[in-house]
Amino acid sequence: MELYPLLRLVHILSASVLFGTGMGIAFFMLMAWRSGDRAAFALTARQVVLADWVFTATAVIIQPLSGLVLAHLAGWPIGTPWLLTTYALYAFIGACWLPVVWIQYRVKTLLEQQGDAASINRLMRIWFILGWPAFAALIGIFWLMITKPGA
């Protein structure tokens, strides 16, 4: 099997994992928070933290590595404007995701230690707000990968 199609498949699958896991985590965490059931929220938060490390973190590493190799194999200079934009959006997503991961871990800990609801709600509001621009940026990257503007 040729390297380029195989690497492209890996790149697409890891992008799908990033998007799908992000959507799933967001949905379940939000629904558990809104349920008012502290025990269910604690269990969900525990599983979300695990899923973020197992799935999201793995895809976060695979994406730039496979993307850089794909760009090289396809003959795209690293400074191509649409690629530079994807790098910037990816960095922006990381700047949103890292606090989100910390918040999820902190919320999980507060729930396990019977922390106060006001602190949990404040953290969850920040978590919710950070998710929107990160998802928008990820959609932007998908669009850039598909259209390659200026190419």
Protein backbone atom coordinates (compact mmCIF):
# COMPACT_ATOMS: atom_id res chain seq x y z
CA MET A 1 0.00 0.00 0.00
CA GLU A 2 1.27 3.47 -0.85
CA LEU A 3 2.19 5.77 2.01
CA TYR A 4 0.19 8.85 0.95
CA PRO A 5 -3.30 7.25 0.84
CA LEU A 6 -2.63 5.38 4.08
CA LEU A 7 -1.43 8.53 5.82
CA ARG A 8 -4.37 10.49 4.43
CA LEU A 9 -6.73 7.87 5.88
CA VAL A 10 -5.02 8.17 9.28
CA HIS A 11 -5.27 11.97 9.07
CA ILE A 12 -8.98 11.89 8.18
CA LEU A 13 -9.75 9.32 10.87
CA SER A 14 -7.93 11.30 13.55
CA ALA A 15 -9.77 14.47 12.46
CA SER A 16 -13.00 12.53 12.78
CA VAL A 17 -12.00 11.38 16.26
CA LEU A 18 -11.23 14.97 17.26
CA PHE A 19 -14.56 16.25 16.03
CA GLY A 20 -16.67 13.29 17.08
CA THR A 21 -15.14 12.86 20.52
CA GLY A 22 -15.36 16.60 21.08
CA MET A 23 -19.04 16.62 20.17
CA GLY A 24 -19.77 13.54 22.26
CA ILE A 25 -17.89 14.85 25.28
CA ALA A 26 -19.60 18.22 24.98
CA PHE A 27 -23.04 16.65 24.69
CA PHE A 28 -22.71 14.23 27.60
CA MET A 29 -20.95 16.69 29.89
CA LEU A 30 -23.56 19.36 29.17
CA MET A 31 -26.49 16.98 29.67
CA ALA A 32 -25.04 15.63 32.91
CA TRP A 33 -24.48 19.17 34.22
CA ARG A 34 -27.98 20.26 33.28
CA SER A 35 -29.58 17.13 34.79
CA GLY A 36 -28.98 18.32 38.34
CA ASP A 37 -28.06 14.74 39.30
CA ARG A 38 -24.72 15.18 41.04
CA ALA A 39 -23.87 11.46 41.05
CA ALA A 40 -24.57 11.13 37.31
CA PHE A 41 -22.58 14.30 36.65
CA ALA A 42 -19.62 12.95 38.67
CA LEU A 43 -19.65 9.66 36.75
CA THR A 44 -19.91 11.47 33.42
CA ALA A 45 -17.11 13.89 34.31
CA ARG A 46 -14.87 10.96 35.26
CA GLN A 47 -15.52 9.24 31.92
CA VAL A 48 -15.12 12.49 29.97
CA VAL A 49 -11.68 13.09 31.49
CA LEU A 50 -10.67 9.55 30.51
CA ALA A 51 -12.08 9.89 26.98
CA ASP A 52 -10.25 13.17 26.46
CA TRP A 53 -6.92 11.57 27.35
CA VAL A 54 -7.48 8.32 25.45
CA PHE A 55 -9.09 9.67 22.26
CA THR A 56 -8.67 13.42 21.97
CA ALA A 57 -5.06 13.62 23.15
CA THR A 58 -4.05 10.83 20.78
CA ALA A 59 -5.71 12.55 17.83
CA VAL A 60 -4.20 15.90 18.86
CA ILE A 61 -0.75 14.34 18.41
CA ILE A 62 -1.54 12.44 15.21
CA GLN A 63 -3.13 15.42 13.42
CA PRO A 64 -0.12 17.74 13.07
CA LEU A 65 2.33 14.91 12.51
CA SER A 66 0.30 13.30 9.73
CA GLY A 67 -0.60 16.71 8.31
CA LEU A 68 2.99 17.86 8.01
CA VAL A 69 4.05 14.62 6.33
CA LEU A 70 1.04 14.78 3.97
CA ALA A 71 1.86 18.37 3.03
CA HIS A 72 5.46 17.38 2.32
CA LEU A 73 4.46 14.33 0.25
CA ALA A 74 1.94 16.41 -1.71
CA GLY A 75 4.55 19.08 -2.40
CA TRP A 76 2.87 21.87 -0.41
CA PRO A 77 5.40 24.30 1.02
CA ILE A 78 4.98 24.64 4.79
CA GLY A 79 4.42 28.39 4.35
CA THR A 80 1.45 28.02 1.99
CA PRO A 81 -1.17 30.55 3.19
CA TRP A 82 -4.02 28.08 3.68
CA LEU A 83 -1.68 25.76 5.61
CA LEU A 84 -0.48 28.65 7.77
CA THR A 85 -4.11 29.43 8.54
CA THR A 86 -4.74 25.81 9.56
CA TYR A 87 -1.71 25.92 11.88
CA ALA A 88 -3.00 29.12 13.49
CA LEU A 89 -6.50 27.67 13.92
CA TYR A 90 -5.04 24.47 15.37
CA ALA A 91 -3.02 26.48 17.89
CA PHE A 92 -6.15 28.46 18.75
CA ILE A 93 -8.09 25.23 19.31
CA GLY A 94 -5.31 24.02 21.60
CA ALA A 95 -5.50 27.28 23.54
CA CYS A 96 -9.20 26.58 24.11
CA TRP A 97 -8.84 22.83 24.69
CA LEU A 98 -6.13 22.91 27.36
CA PRO A 99 -8.23 24.99 29.78
CA VAL A 100 -11.25 22.82 28.94
CA VAL A 101 -9.30 19.69 29.92
CA TRP A 102 -8.22 21.35 33.17
CA ILE A 103 -11.82 22.45 33.85
CA GLN A 104 -13.15 18.94 33.24
CA TYR A 105 -10.58 17.51 35.63
CA ARG A 106 -11.30 20.21 38.23
CA VAL A 107 -15.07 19.68 37.95
CA LYS A 108 -14.58 15.93 38.32
CA THR A 109 -12.49 16.51 41.45
CA LEU A 110 -14.98 18.99 42.92
CA LEU A 111 -17.84 16.57 42.33
CA GLU A 112 -15.93 13.69 43.93
CA GLN A 113 -15.02 15.86 46.95
CA GLN A 114 -18.52 17.31 47.31
CA GLY A 115 -17.31 20.76 46.24
CA ASP A 116 -19.70 23.68 46.15
CA ALA A 117 -22.16 23.95 43.28
CA ALA A 118 -21.35 27.62 42.65
CA SER A 119 -17.71 26.81 41.80
CA ILE A 120 -18.75 23.92 39.57
CA ASN A 121 -21.31 26.07 37.75
CA ARG A 122 -18.78 28.88 37.24
CA LEU A 123 -16.26 26.43 35.77
CA MET A 124 -18.90 24.82 33.56
CA ARG A 125 -19.95 28.18 32.15
CA ILE A 126 -16.33 28.87 31.16
CA TRP A 127 -16.08 25.33 29.75
CA PHE A 128 -19.23 25.90 27.69
CA ILE A 129 -18.01 29.25 26.34
CA LEU A 130 -14.58 27.87 25.33
CA GLY A 131 -16.15 25.05 23.33
CA TRP A 132 -17.88 27.25 20.76
CA PRO A 133 -14.87 29.01 19.21
CA ALA A 134 -12.88 25.77 19.28
CA PHE A 135 -15.57 23.93 17.31
CA ALA A 136 -15.91 26.83 14.88
CA ALA A 137 -12.15 26.79 14.32
CA LEU A 138 -12.19 23.03 13.73
CA ILE A 139 -14.90 23.46 11.12
CA GLY A 140 -12.73 26.16 9.57
CA ILE A 141 -9.85 23.71 9.34
CA PHE A 142 -12.09 21.13 7.66
CA TRP A 143 -13.12 23.79 5.14
CA LEU A 144 -9.50 24.74 4.45
CA MET A 145 -8.50 21.10 4.00
CA ILE A 146 -11.30 20.53 1.52
CA THR A 147 -11.06 23.76 -0.49
CA LYS A 148 -7.35 24.65 -0.23
CA PRO A 149 -8.09 28.28 -1.13
CA GLY A 150 -5.58 29.91 -3.42
CA ALA A 151 -4.19 26.54 -4.49
